[in-house]
Amino acid sequence: MEESDLVRRAAAGDAAAAEQIWVTHRRWIAAVLLAHKPRQTDLEDLLQEVALSVVQKINQLDDPSALKPWLRMIAVNTARATGRKQTRRRGLLRLVRPDVASESVSDLTTREGKERQARARKLGLLIDQLPENYRECVLLRCARGMSHKQISDVTGLPETTVETRIARGRRMLRELAQKPAKERAAMVEAVARSES
């Protein structure tokens, strides 16, 4: 069967045709992902994301003969989006945990500067202990100053969910700050289990 016929069948909802397209092209898609993915990202995770996009969007492919460029575009965009997410996350953490090298010497030598730096480090360590779904919303609100609506637009979550995660995240931070280290770890683990 010709590839253009497979594309038409997959676009019409034929799962076997979509699977055949994926099996045929998976290896070179993996090579494209390897060339564009961030270092610490798992290739299999990216392949799953690409496969999902292909199945969901194949009906949007107007020209069946353009399948390979279309698949490549999805692979490259998936890898780049993953890199942007990781870069944003690292940037947000840098806002909460200021680098000692970036502060002036006078800020580090004053008592006030040292206290501010110690508080920032402690807050950064506490934020790192929050479950990821709370951590992201709290950082976007507190470190970036984004509104609930803006966070909703960025994360794709309903505004009420964003508000809830920020409120619960702040409450967890207050509770974490008051607990010894062993109790903090147990608390975070329990929250993570209940969210799963």
Protein backbone atom coordinates (compact mmCIF):
# COMPACT_ATOMS: atom_id res chain seq x y z
CA MET A 1 0.00 0.00 0.00
CA GLU A 2 1.27 3.47 -0.87
CA GLU A 3 2.16 5.88 1.90
CA SER A 4 -0.38 8.48 0.76
CA ASP A 5 -3.14 5.86 1.10
CA LEU A 6 -1.91 5.05 4.62
CA VAL A 7 -2.03 8.73 5.51
CA ARG A 8 -5.61 9.08 4.23
CA ARG A 9 -6.70 5.98 6.15
CA ALA A 10 -4.98 7.16 9.34
CA ALA A 11 -6.60 10.59 8.96
CA ALA A 12 -9.96 8.83 8.70
CA GLY A 13 -9.31 7.11 12.04
CA ASP A 14 -7.76 3.79 10.97
CA ALA A 15 -5.55 2.84 13.94
CA ALA A 16 -3.72 0.13 11.98
CA ALA A 17 -2.72 2.65 9.31
CA ALA A 18 -1.49 5.12 11.95
CA GLU A 19 0.51 2.34 13.59
CA GLN A 20 2.06 1.34 10.27
CA ILE A 21 3.12 4.95 9.62
CA TRP A 22 4.70 5.13 13.09
CA VAL A 23 6.52 1.79 12.76
CA THR A 24 7.87 2.79 9.35
CA HIS A 25 9.22 6.18 10.43
CA ARG A 26 10.00 5.77 14.14
CA ARG A 27 13.75 5.14 13.73
CA TRP A 28 14.57 8.26 11.74
CA ILE A 29 12.26 10.32 13.94
CA ALA A 30 14.36 9.11 16.88
CA ALA A 31 17.49 10.33 15.09
CA VAL A 32 15.93 13.76 14.55
CA LEU A 33 14.98 13.91 18.23
CA LEU A 34 18.49 12.92 19.27
CA ALA A 35 19.86 15.83 17.26
CA HIS A 36 17.51 18.38 18.83
CA LYS A 37 16.67 17.14 22.31
CA PRO A 38 18.08 18.62 25.53
CA ARG A 39 20.80 16.42 27.06
CA GLN A 40 18.95 15.27 30.14
CA THR A 41 15.69 14.43 28.35
CA ASP A 42 14.70 10.80 27.84
CA LEU A 43 14.38 9.86 24.15
CA GLU A 44 11.53 7.43 24.80
CA ASP A 45 9.46 10.16 26.47
CA LEU A 46 9.94 12.40 23.45
CA LEU A 47 9.04 9.58 21.07
CA GLN A 48 5.80 9.05 22.99
CA GLU A 49 4.98 12.75 22.73
CA VAL A 50 5.64 12.72 18.99
CA ALA A 51 3.55 9.57 18.49
CA LEU A 52 0.67 11.14 20.39
CA SER A 53 0.90 14.31 18.30
CA VAL A 54 0.96 12.29 15.08
CA VAL A 55 -2.17 10.35 16.03
CA GLN A 56 -3.99 13.47 17.20
CA LYS A 57 -3.02 15.71 14.28
CA ILE A 58 -2.67 13.48 11.23
CA ASN A 59 -6.08 14.60 10.01
CA GLN A 60 -4.61 18.13 9.73
CA LEU A 61 -2.04 17.01 7.15
CA ASP A 62 -3.39 18.45 3.87
CA ASP A 63 -0.88 16.86 1.50
CA PRO A 64 -0.18 13.17 2.15
CA SER A 65 3.02 13.43 0.11
CA ALA A 66 4.37 15.88 2.71
CA LEU A 67 4.31 13.25 5.48
CA LYS A 68 8.06 13.13 6.13
CA PRO A 69 8.58 16.91 6.43
CA TRP A 70 5.48 17.06 8.62
CA LEU A 71 6.81 14.29 10.91
CA ARG A 72 10.19 16.02 11.12
CA MET A 73 8.55 19.31 12.04
CA ILE A 74 6.60 17.63 14.85
CA ALA A 75 9.77 15.95 16.15
CA VAL A 76 11.84 19.16 16.09
CA ASN A 77 9.06 21.21 17.69
CA THR A 78 8.58 18.62 20.43
CA ALA A 79 12.29 18.57 21.25
CA ARG A 80 12.51 22.37 21.26
CA ALA A 81 9.41 22.75 23.42
CA THR A 82 10.92 20.36 25.95
CA GLY A 83 14.12 22.40 25.97
CA ARG A 84 12.18 25.63 26.51
CA LYS A 85 10.28 24.11 29.43
CA GLN A 86 13.52 23.02 31.08
CA THR A 87 15.15 26.41 30.46
CA ARG A 88 12.14 28.24 31.93
CA ARG A 89 12.18 25.97 34.98
CA ARG A 90 15.91 26.59 35.56
CA GLY A 91 15.39 30.34 35.11
CA LEU A 92 12.61 30.40 37.66
CA LEU A 93 14.75 28.55 40.17
CA ARG A 94 17.58 31.06 39.64
CA LEU A 95 15.15 33.84 40.58
CA VAL A 96 14.44 32.15 43.89
CA ARG A 97 18.02 31.05 44.61
CA PRO A 98 20.23 33.98 43.71
CA ASP A 99 23.76 33.08 42.70
CA VAL A 100 26.41 34.35 45.09
CA ALA A 101 28.61 35.42 42.17
CA SER A 102 25.93 37.75 40.82
CA GLU A 103 25.63 39.76 44.03
CA SER A 104 27.92 42.63 44.76
CA VAL A 105 30.60 42.23 47.42
CA SER A 106 29.01 44.90 49.58
CA ASP A 107 25.70 42.98 49.63
CA LEU A 108 27.53 39.88 50.84
CA THR A 109 29.46 41.62 53.58
CA THR A 110 26.60 43.44 55.28
CA ARG A 111 24.60 41.63 57.89
CA GLU A 112 21.41 42.49 56.04
CA GLY A 113 22.76 41.10 52.74
CA LYS A 114 23.87 37.87 54.38
CA GLU A 115 20.47 37.43 56.04
CA ARG A 116 18.67 38.07 52.76
CA GLN A 117 20.88 35.53 51.01
CA ALA A 118 20.29 32.93 53.75
CA ARG A 119 16.50 33.44 53.54
CA ALA A 120 16.61 33.07 49.75
CA ARG A 121 18.59 29.82 50.03
CA LYS A 122 16.21 28.43 52.64
CA LEU A 123 13.18 29.37 50.54
CA GLY A 124 14.77 27.77 47.47
CA LEU A 125 15.36 24.53 49.36
CA LEU A 126 11.78 24.53 50.65
CA ILE A 127 10.34 25.22 47.20
CA ASP A 128 12.39 22.33 45.80
CA GLN A 129 10.54 20.05 48.24
CA LEU A 130 7.08 20.97 46.93
CA PRO A 131 5.42 18.54 44.53
CA GLU A 132 6.02 19.71 40.96
CA ASN A 133 2.41 20.69 40.20
CA TYR A 134 2.40 23.05 43.21
CA ARG A 135 5.99 24.25 42.71
CA GLU A 136 5.36 25.50 39.18
CA CYS A 137 2.28 27.55 40.11
CA VAL A 138 3.92 28.98 43.24
CA LEU A 139 7.06 30.01 41.35
CA LEU A 140 5.12 31.59 38.49
CA ARG A 141 3.06 33.60 40.98
CA CYS A 142 5.68 34.52 43.57
CA ALA A 143 8.91 34.70 41.58
CA ARG A 144 7.54 35.96 38.28
CA GLY A 145 4.58 37.94 39.60
CA MET A 146 2.18 36.42 37.09
CA SER A 147 -1.57 36.68 37.62
CA HIS A 148 -3.75 33.60 38.06
CA LYS A 149 -5.06 34.16 34.51
CA GLN A 150 -1.54 34.34 33.06
CA ILE A 151 -0.53 31.16 34.90
CA SER A 152 -3.69 29.49 33.63
CA ASP A 153 -2.78 30.45 30.07
CA VAL A 154 0.80 29.16 30.45
CA THR A 155 -0.03 25.87 32.18
CA GLY A 156 -3.35 25.11 30.52
CA LEU A 157 -4.98 24.67 33.93
CA PRO A 158 -8.30 26.26 34.92
CA GLU A 159 -7.87 29.46 36.98
CA THR A 160 -9.54 27.87 40.00
CA THR A 161 -7.01 25.03 39.92
CA VAL A 162 -4.17 27.56 39.74
CA GLU A 163 -5.59 29.46 42.72
CA THR A 164 -5.94 26.23 44.69
CA ARG A 165 -2.39 25.08 43.90
CA ILE A 166 -0.92 28.44 44.87
CA ALA A 167 -2.85 28.52 48.15
CA ARG A 168 -1.96 24.92 49.01
CA GLY A 169 1.66 25.43 47.92
CA ARG A 170 2.04 28.48 50.15
CA ARG A 171 0.45 26.63 53.05
CA MET A 172 2.81 23.70 52.49
CA LEU A 173 5.78 26.10 52.42
CA ARG A 174 4.73 27.57 55.77
CA GLU A 175 4.32 24.09 57.24
CA LEU A 176 7.63 22.90 55.77
CA ALA A 177 9.46 25.90 57.21
CA GLN A 178 8.28 24.98 60.70
CA LYS A 179 9.15 21.26 60.56
CA PRO A 180 12.46 19.43 61.07
CA ALA A 181 14.04 17.94 57.92
CA LYS A 182 12.83 14.34 58.50
CA GLU A 183 9.25 15.45 58.95
CA ARG A 184 9.48 17.65 55.82
CA ALA A 185 10.46 14.69 53.65
CA ALA A 186 7.61 12.55 55.02
CA MET A 187 5.11 15.36 54.50
CA VAL A 188 6.14 15.96 50.89
CA GLU A 189 6.05 12.23 50.16
CA ALA A 190 2.54 11.94 51.58
CA VAL A 191 1.29 14.87 49.48
CA ALA A 192 2.89 13.44 46.34
CA ARG A 193 1.20 10.07 46.95
CA SER A 194 -2.19 11.68 47.49
CA GLU A 195 -1.84 13.66 44.24
CA SER A 196 -1.09 10.53 42.17
